[in-house]
Amino acid sequence: MKEKDTLFYKIVKPIVWFLIKLLYRPQVIGLNNINKEGRVLLAGNHTKWLDPVMIVGITNRQVHFLAKEELFHGLTKPIVKGMGCVPVNRKIHDKNALQSAYNYLNNDLCVGIFPEGTINRTDKTIMNFKIGAVKACNKTDTKLVPFVITGKYKLFRKGIKIEFLKPIKISDNLDKENKRLMDIVEKTIIKENNNG
C-alpha cells in the first residue's frame, strides 16, 4: 500500500472542499501538525455527520476513517468504499476494524477515528473515548494528532472551527493515554467555548 489517493478520493476531495468553503466557511488551525508523509492517526470529537466530510475536505492527506458498518450497505456503500473507509461493527469489539487500521498505519497512511464511537448528542462536552485510537498508535508506533471541532455548522456564515493539535506519542499505559487524549480534547473544547 503506497501513499496514493484512490481515484474516487482524488475526484471527490476538491469538490467537497469547494462546497465546504462555500457553505460553511470553516476556520482551520494547525494543519501543519499533520505530517505530509508517513503514518499518522487523527482522533477527536464528533459533533455532526458533517465532521468527517469537513476533515476530508481540509486535510492534505487521504484520511481512512473508521466508519460504522451500516454505511457499507445500500446507497452509501460505493461512497464510503471509494473514500477508503474502514467498516466497524459497533455492536462488538471489532478486532477486524482495528487490524485494518493497523495495516493502513503500518503502510504509512493516515487513519481517522472518532473515539466517542458516534455523534455526541448528549449535554456532556465529550463522551467517553473508546481505546481503539491510542491502542492503534501504540501497536504501530504512530504519532496521534488530536483534533477539536467547535462551533456550529451555519450555512453561508462562519461558525465552525477545527483545530489540529500537536502530535502526541502514545506509551504502553493505554488507559492513561486514553484519558490524556480525552483531557486534551475536552479542555480545548471548553477553552474554545469560553472564548466564543
Foldseek 3Di string as FASTA:
>chain_A
DAQDAFPLLVVVQQVLLVCCCQWFVEAEADLVLDDPWFFEEEEEAAADPCVVSVVSNPHPGLEAEEDEQVLCDDPNNVVNVNSNYAYDDPVDPDPVSLVVLLVCRLNGGYYYYYQLRDHDPDPDLGHQGDLSRLVSCAVNVHWYWYKEWDFDRGTRDHTIYMYTHHTDGRDPPSVVVSVVSVVVHSVVRVVVVVVD
